[in-house]
Protein backbone atom coordinates (compact mmCIF):
# COMPACT_ATOMS: atom_id res chain seq x y z
CA UNK A 1 -14.67 57.74 65.19
CA UNK A 2 -16.40 56.09 68.16
CA UNK A 3 -19.92 57.48 68.03
CA UNK A 4 -21.54 54.04 68.27
CA UNK A 5 -20.65 51.41 70.82
CA UNK A 6 -18.37 48.54 69.89
CA UNK A 7 -20.20 45.37 68.95
CA UNK A 8 -23.38 47.20 67.93
CA UNK A 9 -23.65 45.10 64.75
CA UNK A 10 -22.19 41.87 66.13
CA UNK A 11 -23.74 38.80 64.54
CA UNK A 12 -25.33 40.74 61.69
CA UNK A 13 -24.64 40.23 58.01
CA UNK A 14 -24.19 43.31 55.82
CA UNK A 15 -23.89 43.52 52.04
CA UNK A 16 -22.75 46.67 50.22
CA UNK A 17 -23.26 46.83 46.46
CA UNK A 18 -20.70 49.17 44.94
CA UNK A 19 -18.68 48.76 48.13
CA UNK A 20 -15.23 48.53 46.57
CA UNK A 21 -14.31 52.22 46.88
CA UNK A 22 -15.19 55.64 48.24
CA UNK A 23 -18.20 56.23 50.44
CA UNK A 24 -19.51 52.69 50.07
CA UNK A 25 -16.22 51.13 51.12
CA UNK A 26 -16.16 53.48 54.09
CA UNK A 27 -19.61 52.25 55.10
CA UNK A 28 -18.54 48.62 54.75
CA UNK A 29 -15.45 49.21 56.89
CA UNK A 30 -17.52 50.86 59.60
CA UNK A 31 -19.99 47.98 59.66
CA UNK A 32 -17.08 45.58 60.12
CA UNK A 33 -15.59 47.70 62.92
CA UNK A 34 -18.89 47.40 64.76
CA UNK A 35 -18.90 43.61 64.49
CA UNK A 36 -20.86 42.84 61.32
CA UNK A 37 -19.97 40.11 58.85
CA UNK A 38 -19.46 42.12 55.65
CA UNK A 39 -19.53 41.43 51.92
CA UNK A 40 -18.96 43.96 49.14
CA UNK A 41 -19.49 43.70 45.42
CA UNK A 42 -18.27 45.59 42.38
CA UNK A 43 -17.73 44.98 38.70
CA UNK A 44 -13.93 44.62 38.96
CA UNK A 45 -12.92 41.37 40.73
CA UNK A 46 -9.47 42.75 41.64
CA UNK A 47 -10.96 45.84 43.29
CA UNK A 48 -13.44 43.62 45.12
CA UNK A 49 -10.62 41.48 46.47
CA UNK A 50 -8.61 44.53 47.56
CA UNK A 51 -11.67 46.03 49.25
CA UNK A 52 -12.29 42.83 51.20
CA UNK A 53 -8.67 42.85 52.35
CA UNK A 54 -9.03 46.47 53.46
CA UNK A 55 -12.19 45.66 55.42
CA UNK A 56 -10.55 42.85 57.33
CA UNK A 57 -10.46 39.14 57.97
CA UNK A 58 -13.58 37.28 56.95
CA UNK A 59 -14.90 39.94 54.58
CA UNK A 60 -16.08 38.80 51.16
CA UNK A 61 -15.20 40.70 48.00
CA UNK A 62 -17.33 39.55 45.10
CA UNK A 63 -17.64 40.49 41.46
CA UNK A 64 -21.08 41.42 40.13
CA UNK A 65 -22.73 44.06 37.97
CA UNK A 66 -25.85 45.64 39.51
CA UNK A 67 -27.23 46.21 36.00
CA UNK A 68 -27.51 42.45 35.56
CA UNK A 69 -30.27 41.14 37.82
CA UNK A 70 -29.21 37.50 37.57
CA UNK A 71 -25.59 38.35 38.31
CA UNK A 72 -26.25 40.48 41.39
CA UNK A 73 -28.86 38.00 42.61
CA UNK A 74 -26.22 35.27 42.36
CA UNK A 75 -23.79 37.40 44.38
CA UNK A 76 -26.34 37.91 47.14
CA UNK A 77 -27.24 34.23 47.21
CA UNK A 78 -23.58 33.50 47.82
CA UNK A 79 -23.43 36.12 50.61
CA UNK A 80 -26.46 34.63 52.33
CA UNK A 81 -25.06 31.12 51.90
CA UNK A 82 -21.63 31.92 53.35
CA UNK A 83 -22.40 34.61 55.92
CA UNK A 84 -26.07 34.00 56.68
CA UNK A 85 -29.30 35.85 55.84
CA UNK A 86 -28.68 39.55 55.40
CA UNK A 87 -29.64 42.07 58.07
CA UNK A 88 -28.33 45.10 56.18
CA UNK A 89 -28.16 45.80 52.45
CA UNK A 90 -26.70 49.00 51.01
CA UNK A 91 -27.16 49.82 47.33
CA UNK A 92 -24.50 52.35 46.41
CA UNK A 93 -23.25 51.62 42.90
CA UNK A 94 -23.34 54.80 40.81
CA UNK A 95 -22.07 56.40 37.65
CA UNK A 96 -21.79 60.10 36.83
CA UNK A 97 -20.08 62.69 34.67
CA UNK A 98 -20.71 66.29 33.61
CA UNK A 99 -22.47 66.76 30.27
CA UNK A 100 -25.20 68.98 28.81
CA UNK A 101 -28.24 67.19 27.42
CA UNK A 102 -27.27 68.14 23.85
CA UNK A 103 -23.78 66.77 24.48
CA UNK A 104 -25.00 63.49 25.93
CA UNK A 105 -25.84 60.41 23.91
CA UNK A 106 -28.93 58.33 24.63
CA UNK A 107 -26.62 55.50 25.62
CA UNK A 108 -24.76 57.70 28.12
CA UNK A 109 -28.04 58.76 29.74
CA UNK A 110 -29.29 55.18 29.83
CA UNK A 111 -26.04 53.92 31.37
CA UNK A 112 -26.30 56.18 34.44
CA UNK A 113 -29.98 55.38 34.93
CA UNK A 114 -29.19 51.68 34.52
CA UNK A 115 -26.43 51.69 37.15
CA UNK A 116 -28.09 53.98 39.68
CA UNK A 117 -31.83 53.41 39.45
CA UNK A 118 -32.16 50.00 37.83
CA UNK A 119 -29.21 48.79 39.89
CA UNK A 120 -30.91 49.83 43.11
CA UNK A 121 -34.09 48.04 42.05
CA UNK A 122 -32.12 44.91 41.17
CA UNK A 123 -30.30 44.85 44.50
CA UNK A 124 -33.39 45.45 46.62
CA UNK A 125 -35.74 43.25 44.61
CA UNK A 126 -33.15 40.49 44.48
CA UNK A 127 -32.35 40.46 48.19
CA UNK A 128 -35.85 40.34 49.64
CA UNK A 129 -36.13 36.60 50.24
CA UNK A 130 -32.51 36.50 51.50
CA UNK A 131 -33.14 38.98 54.31
CA UNK A 132 -33.63 38.53 58.02
CA UNK A 133 -37.33 39.31 58.38
CA UNK A 134 -38.55 41.09 60.36
CA UNK A 135 -35.81 43.51 61.18
CA UNK A 136 -33.77 43.99 58.01
CA UNK A 137 -32.62 47.46 56.98
CA UNK A 138 -32.09 48.56 53.37
CA UNK A 139 -30.22 51.76 52.53
CA UNK A 140 -29.88 53.36 49.09
CA UNK A 141 -27.24 56.00 48.41
CA UNK A 142 -28.93 58.85 46.58
CA UNK A 143 -27.91 62.49 46.04
CA UNK A 144 -29.14 66.06 46.21
CA UNK A 145 -29.72 66.03 42.45
CA UNK A 146 -32.85 64.02 43.22
CA UNK A 147 -34.62 67.15 44.45
CA UNK A 148 -32.46 70.04 43.16
CA UNK A 149 -32.11 70.25 39.40
CA UNK A 150 -28.53 70.76 38.27
CA UNK A 151 -27.28 71.72 34.84
CA UNK A 152 -25.05 69.09 33.21
CA UNK A 153 -26.68 66.44 35.41
CA UNK A 154 -29.88 65.39 33.64
CA UNK A 155 -28.96 61.70 33.87
CA UNK A 156 -28.07 61.80 37.58
CA UNK A 157 -31.06 64.00 38.48
CA UNK A 158 -33.45 61.57 36.80
CA UNK A 159 -31.82 58.48 38.28
CA UNK A 160 -31.59 59.80 41.83
CA UNK A 161 -35.16 61.12 41.78
CA UNK A 162 -36.25 57.64 40.80
CA UNK A 163 -34.25 56.13 43.65
CA UNK A 164 -35.94 58.45 46.16
CA UNK A 165 -39.38 57.36 45.01
CA UNK A 166 -38.36 53.69 44.92
CA UNK A 167 -37.26 54.01 48.56
CA UNK A 168 -40.69 55.35 49.52
CA UNK A 169 -42.62 52.73 47.59
CA UNK A 170 -40.61 49.86 49.07
CA UNK A 171 -41.05 51.35 52.55
CA UNK A 172 -44.82 51.25 51.99
CA UNK A 173 -44.89 47.75 50.56
CA UNK A 174 -42.37 46.10 52.89
CA UNK A 175 -43.00 48.19 56.00
CA UNK A 176 -44.11 45.50 58.42
CA UNK A 177 -40.87 43.53 58.01
CA UNK A 178 -38.18 45.64 56.31
CA UNK A 179 -37.16 49.26 56.75
CA UNK A 180 -36.03 51.10 53.60
CA UNK A 181 -34.23 54.45 53.75
CA UNK A 182 -31.73 56.53 51.83
CA UNK A 183 -28.67 58.67 52.49
CA UNK A 184 -28.02 61.76 50.37
CA UNK A 185 -24.37 62.76 50.82
CA UNK A 186 -23.25 66.29 50.05
CA UNK A 187 -19.75 67.34 48.96
CA UNK A 188 -17.55 64.67 50.53
CA UNK A 189 -13.78 65.10 50.40
CA UNK A 190 -11.51 62.54 48.75
CA UNK A 191 -14.20 60.84 46.69
CA UNK A 192 -14.43 60.03 43.00
CA UNK A 193 -17.69 61.98 42.86
CA UNK A 194 -15.98 65.22 43.89
CA UNK A 195 -13.20 64.64 41.38
CA UNK A 196 -15.74 64.19 38.58
CA UNK A 197 -18.21 66.92 39.53
CA UNK A 198 -15.71 69.51 40.75
CA UNK A 199 -12.66 69.02 38.53
CA UNK A 200 -11.29 72.56 38.87
CA UNK A 201 -10.77 75.18 41.58
CA UNK A 202 -13.66 77.41 40.49
CA UNK A 203 -16.18 74.56 40.57
CA UNK A 204 -14.90 73.35 43.93
CA UNK A 205 -15.31 76.88 45.32
CA UNK A 206 -18.87 77.06 44.00
CA UNK A 207 -19.68 73.81 45.79
CA UNK A 208 -17.98 75.02 48.95
CA UNK A 209 -19.92 78.29 48.96
CA UNK A 210 -23.18 76.36 49.19
CA UNK A 211 -22.19 74.49 52.36
CA UNK A 212 -23.80 76.01 55.44
CA UNK A 213 -21.27 74.32 57.75
CA UNK A 214 -18.35 75.69 55.70
CA UNK A 215 -16.32 72.50 55.49
CA UNK A 216 -16.17 69.41 53.32
CA UNK A 217 -17.84 66.28 54.59
CA UNK A 218 -15.92 63.13 55.46
CA UNK A 219 -16.56 59.58 54.32
CA UNK A 220 -16.65 58.54 57.98
CA UNK A 221 -19.61 60.86 58.59
CA UNK A 222 -21.66 59.21 55.84
CA UNK A 223 -20.73 55.83 57.30
CA UNK A 224 -22.01 56.92 60.72
CA UNK A 225 -25.30 57.94 59.09
CA UNK A 226 -25.58 54.43 57.63
CA UNK A 227 -24.92 52.86 61.03
CA UNK A 228 -27.63 55.03 62.56
CA UNK A 229 -30.20 54.04 59.94
CA UNK A 230 -29.60 50.31 60.47
CA UNK A 231 -29.39 50.55 64.25
CA UNK A 232 -32.17 50.22 66.85
CA UNK A 233 -32.00 54.00 67.28
CA UNK A 234 -33.73 54.30 63.88
CA UNK A 235 -36.18 51.49 64.52
CA UNK A 236 -39.23 53.65 63.70
CA UNK A 237 -37.72 55.34 60.64
CA UNK A 238 -38.56 54.15 57.14
CA UNK A 239 -39.13 55.80 53.77
CA UNK A 240 -36.81 58.65 54.77
CA UNK A 241 -33.94 60.32 52.94
CA UNK A 242 -31.24 61.43 55.39
CA UNK A 243 -29.24 64.39 54.08
CA UNK A 244 -25.61 64.13 55.19
CA UNK A 245 -24.52 67.28 53.40
CA UNK A 246 -23.53 70.02 55.84
CA UNK A 247 -26.59 72.00 54.78
CA UNK A 248 -25.49 72.28 51.16
CA UNK A 249 -28.96 71.53 49.78
CA UNK A 250 -31.07 73.94 51.84
CA UNK A 251 -30.33 77.21 50.06
CA UNK A 252 -27.70 79.82 49.25
CA UNK A 253 -25.21 79.58 52.11
CA UNK A 254 -23.06 82.28 50.51
CA UNK A 255 -25.56 84.79 51.93
CA UNK A 256 -24.71 83.71 55.47
CA UNK A 257 -21.77 86.10 55.78
CA UNK A 258 -23.91 88.95 54.48
CA UNK A 259 -26.55 88.19 57.10
CA UNK A 260 -23.94 88.22 59.89
CA UNK A 261 -22.77 91.62 58.75
CA UNK A 262 -26.30 93.04 59.07
CA UNK A 263 -26.69 92.05 62.74
């Protein structure tokens, strides 16, 4: 994919929390392709090392848990020390599973909120004095559950709604120097999220029926959205959630064929 010009992010330092797999790793790879110095972090040190190798020469793969403020702060201090103050920070660590409220323990609910919402706070709060200011761009990975309630997703709905509001508050408080935005991916093929949330053919079809564009999204398309948000093209955009979802959150796309038949 060559939507953005080569070298667009040359000389910039980017850090991706949760960047050892899936969408977040795809974002990190794209940053590196466009010239950025890239570091990723995840809880598993082996996965972090493999991710860095996949990104390319010079990438850092570090071990750190976003739920632990001191740990993730230490990771970001190392990134700033080795690669320079950070121009781009992506908070993408997440946890999810399908469960009804009455089948979910308090600890299970707390764990998802702790990874997603508290983790995003820890990453963004912890990086502030390590950023290039003015001009830094922060991006949180959120989800459609933030605005559309979904059965079996009470934990994710609560956590992602909190992330959306945190994005807006930080945009207000840090606006003169730092832009803060979010990306809300829809059904993206070949991701752990799709495997967990659509584990069988019937559930996958139900997700597919909601997509206005009638195709699965690609990791590369979410990565391009991230590049846009941290590029000069988005220089006047802050406090915004960018839906990269093929129209899956705007309504009942299954009615589209019916509408065509009535014309």
